[in-house]
N, C-alpha and C. Protein backbone atom coordinates (compact mmCIF):
# COMPACT_ATOMS: atom_id res chain seq x y z
N MET A 1 -14.11 14.91 25.61
CA MET A 1 -13.25 16.08 25.71
C MET A 1 -12.47 16.07 27.01
N LEU A 2 -12.09 14.92 27.46
CA LEU A 2 -11.23 14.76 28.64
C LEU A 2 -11.74 15.55 29.85
N LEU A 3 -13.03 15.37 30.13
CA LEU A 3 -13.66 15.95 31.33
C LEU A 3 -13.51 17.46 31.42
N GLY A 4 -13.62 18.17 30.32
CA GLY A 4 -13.59 19.62 30.33
C GLY A 4 -12.20 20.21 30.45
N MET A 5 -11.17 19.39 30.40
CA MET A 5 -9.80 19.90 30.52
C MET A 5 -9.22 20.31 29.17
N VAL A 6 -9.85 19.85 28.09
CA VAL A 6 -9.36 20.14 26.75
C VAL A 6 -10.52 20.71 25.95
N THR A 7 -10.25 21.75 25.20
CA THR A 7 -11.31 22.37 24.40
C THR A 7 -11.58 21.55 23.14
N THR A 8 -12.70 21.84 22.52
CA THR A 8 -13.06 21.15 21.29
C THR A 8 -12.01 21.39 20.21
N ALA A 9 -11.49 22.59 20.12
CA ALA A 9 -10.47 22.91 19.12
C ALA A 9 -9.20 22.09 19.38
N GLN A 10 -8.83 21.93 20.64
CA GLN A 10 -7.64 21.14 20.97
C GLN A 10 -7.86 19.66 20.63
N VAL A 11 -9.04 19.15 20.90
CA VAL A 11 -9.35 17.76 20.57
C VAL A 11 -9.28 17.55 19.06
N ASN A 12 -9.83 18.48 18.31
CA ASN A 12 -9.78 18.37 16.85
C ASN A 12 -8.35 18.42 16.33
N ALA A 13 -7.52 19.26 16.94
CA ALA A 13 -6.11 19.33 16.53
C ALA A 13 -5.39 18.03 16.85
N ILE A 14 -5.63 17.48 18.02
CA ILE A 14 -5.02 16.20 18.41
C ILE A 14 -5.46 15.10 17.46
N ARG A 15 -6.75 15.06 17.14
CA ARG A 15 -7.28 14.05 16.23
C ARG A 15 -6.63 14.16 14.86
N ALA A 16 -6.49 15.39 14.36
CA ALA A 16 -5.89 15.59 13.05
C ALA A 16 -4.43 15.14 13.03
N ILE A 17 -3.71 15.44 14.08
CA ILE A 17 -2.31 15.04 14.16
C ILE A 17 -2.20 13.52 14.23
N MET A 18 -3.02 12.89 15.05
CA MET A 18 -2.98 11.43 15.16
C MET A 18 -3.37 10.76 13.85
N THR A 19 -4.35 11.32 13.15
CA THR A 19 -4.76 10.77 11.86
C THR A 19 -3.61 10.85 10.87
N THR A 20 -2.91 11.97 10.85
CA THR A 20 -1.77 12.13 9.95
C THR A 20 -0.66 11.15 10.28
N LEU A 21 -0.34 11.02 11.55
CA LEU A 21 0.73 10.11 11.97
C LEU A 21 0.39 8.66 11.65
N LEU A 22 -0.83 8.26 11.93
CA LEU A 22 -1.22 6.87 11.72
C LEU A 22 -1.44 6.55 10.25
N SER A 23 -1.74 7.53 9.43
CA SER A 23 -1.96 7.27 8.01
C SER A 23 -0.68 6.79 7.33
N HIS A 24 0.46 7.17 7.85
CA HIS A 24 1.72 6.74 7.26
C HIS A 24 1.96 5.25 7.51
N HIS A 25 1.40 4.71 8.57
CA HIS A 25 1.57 3.29 8.87
C HIS A 25 0.65 2.43 8.02
N ALA A 26 -0.42 2.99 7.52
CA ALA A 26 -1.38 2.22 6.73
C ALA A 26 -0.95 2.08 5.28
N LYS A 27 -0.04 2.92 4.82
CA LYS A 27 0.38 2.88 3.43
C LYS A 27 1.43 1.79 3.24
N PRO A 28 1.34 1.03 2.15
CA PRO A 28 2.37 0.03 1.89
C PRO A 28 3.70 0.70 1.59
N VAL A 29 4.76 0.16 2.16
CA VAL A 29 6.08 0.75 2.01
C VAL A 29 6.65 0.42 0.64
N GLY A 30 6.45 -0.79 0.18
CA GLY A 30 6.97 -1.22 -1.11
C GLY A 30 6.27 -2.49 -1.52
N THR A 31 6.62 -2.96 -2.69
CA THR A 31 6.03 -4.20 -3.15
C THR A 31 7.12 -5.22 -3.34
N VAL A 32 6.77 -6.46 -3.09
CA VAL A 32 7.70 -7.56 -3.29
C VAL A 32 7.55 -8.04 -4.72
N VAL A 33 8.66 -8.17 -5.40
CA VAL A 33 8.63 -8.61 -6.78
C VAL A 33 8.96 -10.09 -6.83
N SER A 34 8.12 -10.84 -7.47
CA SER A 34 8.31 -12.28 -7.62
C SER A 34 9.17 -12.55 -8.84
N SER A 35 9.97 -13.61 -8.76
CA SER A 35 10.78 -13.97 -9.91
C SER A 35 9.94 -14.60 -11.01
N SER A 36 8.76 -15.12 -10.66
CA SER A 36 7.88 -15.67 -11.67
C SER A 36 6.77 -14.66 -11.93
N PRO A 37 6.54 -14.31 -13.22
CA PRO A 37 5.53 -13.29 -13.51
C PRO A 37 4.15 -13.72 -13.04
N GLY A 38 3.50 -12.84 -12.31
CA GLY A 38 2.16 -13.12 -11.81
C GLY A 38 2.13 -14.13 -10.69
N GLY A 39 3.28 -14.55 -10.21
CA GLY A 39 3.35 -15.57 -9.18
C GLY A 39 3.37 -15.01 -7.78
N ASN A 40 3.36 -15.91 -6.84
CA ASN A 40 3.39 -15.55 -5.43
C ASN A 40 4.84 -15.61 -4.95
N PRO A 41 5.36 -14.55 -4.34
CA PRO A 41 6.74 -14.57 -3.87
C PRO A 41 6.99 -15.66 -2.82
N LEU A 42 5.94 -16.08 -2.11
CA LEU A 42 6.11 -17.15 -1.13
C LEU A 42 6.41 -18.47 -1.82
N VAL A 43 5.85 -18.68 -3.01
CA VAL A 43 6.14 -19.89 -3.77
C VAL A 43 7.63 -19.92 -4.11
N ASP A 44 8.15 -18.80 -4.57
CA ASP A 44 9.58 -18.72 -4.89
C ASP A 44 10.44 -18.97 -3.65
N LEU A 45 9.99 -18.45 -2.52
CA LEU A 45 10.73 -18.63 -1.28
C LEU A 45 10.75 -20.10 -0.87
N ILE A 46 9.62 -20.78 -1.01
CA ILE A 46 9.56 -22.21 -0.66
C ILE A 46 10.39 -23.03 -1.64
N LYS A 47 10.37 -22.66 -2.92
CA LYS A 47 11.18 -23.39 -3.90
C LYS A 47 12.67 -23.25 -3.58
N ALA A 48 13.07 -22.09 -3.12
CA ALA A 48 14.47 -21.86 -2.78
C ALA A 48 14.83 -22.45 -1.43
N ASN A 49 13.86 -22.55 -0.53
CA ASN A 49 14.08 -23.04 0.84
C ASN A 49 12.99 -24.02 1.23
N PRO A 50 13.05 -25.25 0.75
CA PRO A 50 11.97 -26.22 1.00
C PRO A 50 11.68 -26.48 2.47
N HIS A 51 12.65 -26.25 3.34
CA HIS A 51 12.42 -26.47 4.77
C HIS A 51 11.40 -25.49 5.36
N LEU A 52 11.08 -24.43 4.63
CA LEU A 52 10.08 -23.46 5.10
C LEU A 52 8.65 -23.83 4.70
N ALA A 53 8.50 -24.91 3.95
CA ALA A 53 7.18 -25.27 3.41
C ALA A 53 6.14 -25.46 4.50
N ASP A 54 6.46 -26.17 5.56
CA ASP A 54 5.48 -26.40 6.62
C ASP A 54 5.02 -25.09 7.27
N THR A 55 5.93 -24.15 7.39
CA THR A 55 5.60 -22.88 8.03
C THR A 55 4.76 -21.99 7.12
N LEU A 56 5.08 -21.97 5.83
CA LEU A 56 4.44 -21.02 4.92
C LEU A 56 3.21 -21.55 4.20
N THR A 57 2.99 -22.86 4.22
CA THR A 57 1.86 -23.44 3.50
C THR A 57 0.51 -22.82 3.88
N PRO A 58 0.24 -22.50 5.15
CA PRO A 58 -1.07 -21.89 5.46
C PRO A 58 -1.29 -20.54 4.78
N LEU A 59 -0.25 -19.90 4.30
CA LEU A 59 -0.38 -18.60 3.66
C LEU A 59 -0.59 -18.70 2.16
N LEU A 60 -0.54 -19.91 1.61
CA LEU A 60 -0.64 -20.11 0.17
C LEU A 60 -2.05 -20.50 -0.26
N SER A 61 -2.35 -20.18 -1.51
CA SER A 61 -3.62 -20.62 -2.08
C SER A 61 -3.45 -22.05 -2.58
N ALA A 62 -4.55 -22.70 -2.91
CA ALA A 62 -4.50 -24.07 -3.43
C ALA A 62 -3.73 -24.11 -4.74
N GLU A 63 -3.87 -23.08 -5.57
CA GLU A 63 -3.15 -23.03 -6.84
C GLU A 63 -1.64 -22.94 -6.61
N ASP A 64 -1.23 -22.15 -5.61
CA ASP A 64 0.19 -22.03 -5.31
C ASP A 64 0.77 -23.36 -4.83
N ILE A 65 0.03 -24.06 -4.00
CA ILE A 65 0.48 -25.37 -3.50
C ILE A 65 0.62 -26.35 -4.66
N GLN A 66 -0.35 -26.34 -5.57
CA GLN A 66 -0.28 -27.23 -6.74
C GLN A 66 0.93 -26.88 -7.61
N ALA A 67 1.24 -25.60 -7.75
CA ALA A 67 2.40 -25.19 -8.54
C ALA A 67 3.69 -25.72 -7.92
N ILE A 68 3.77 -25.71 -6.61
CA ILE A 68 4.96 -26.24 -5.93
C ILE A 68 5.04 -27.74 -6.12
N LEU A 69 3.92 -28.42 -5.99
CA LEU A 69 3.92 -29.88 -6.11
C LEU A 69 4.25 -30.33 -7.54
N ARG A 70 3.87 -29.54 -8.54
CA ARG A 70 4.15 -29.89 -9.93
C ARG A 70 5.59 -29.61 -10.33
N ASP A 71 6.30 -28.77 -9.58
CA ASP A 71 7.66 -28.38 -9.93
C ASP A 71 8.63 -29.52 -9.66
N PRO A 72 9.29 -30.06 -10.69
CA PRO A 72 10.21 -31.18 -10.49
C PRO A 72 11.42 -30.82 -9.64
N GLU A 73 11.79 -29.55 -9.60
CA GLU A 73 12.93 -29.14 -8.78
C GLU A 73 12.62 -29.20 -7.30
N CYS A 74 11.35 -29.22 -6.93
CA CYS A 74 10.95 -29.26 -5.52
C CYS A 74 10.80 -30.69 -5.02
N ASP A 75 11.02 -31.67 -5.86
CA ASP A 75 10.90 -33.07 -5.45
C ASP A 75 12.05 -33.42 -4.55
N ASP A 76 11.72 -33.81 -3.30
CA ASP A 76 12.77 -34.16 -2.34
C ASP A 76 13.16 -35.62 -2.40
N GLY A 77 12.58 -36.37 -3.32
CA GLY A 77 12.91 -37.76 -3.46
C GLY A 77 12.14 -38.67 -2.53
N ALA A 78 11.36 -38.11 -1.63
CA ALA A 78 10.57 -38.93 -0.70
C ALA A 78 9.34 -39.43 -1.42
N GLY A 79 8.91 -40.63 -1.08
CA GLY A 79 7.68 -41.07 -1.66
C GLY A 79 7.71 -42.40 -2.21
C-alpha cells in the first residue's frame, strides 16, 4: 500500500483500472487468413517470397516445411 500513503480502496481502484487497461492488450486484434484452407499463413508468405525462408523457417512446423519442399512452384532450380 505504498508505505501508508495510499488507502486500500485507492489501491483496489488502481488495480482495477490497470487490469482493464492491460486486458485490451491481451485480446487478439484480428486473425490472419491464409490463402490455403487450414494452412499456415507463413507458408503462403514463404511461397510468395522465397528469400524469407531462412528467416521464417524456425517458426514453421515440420509439416509446413514439408509442404513447402513438395511445392513445385517453390523449386529454385538449385540442386
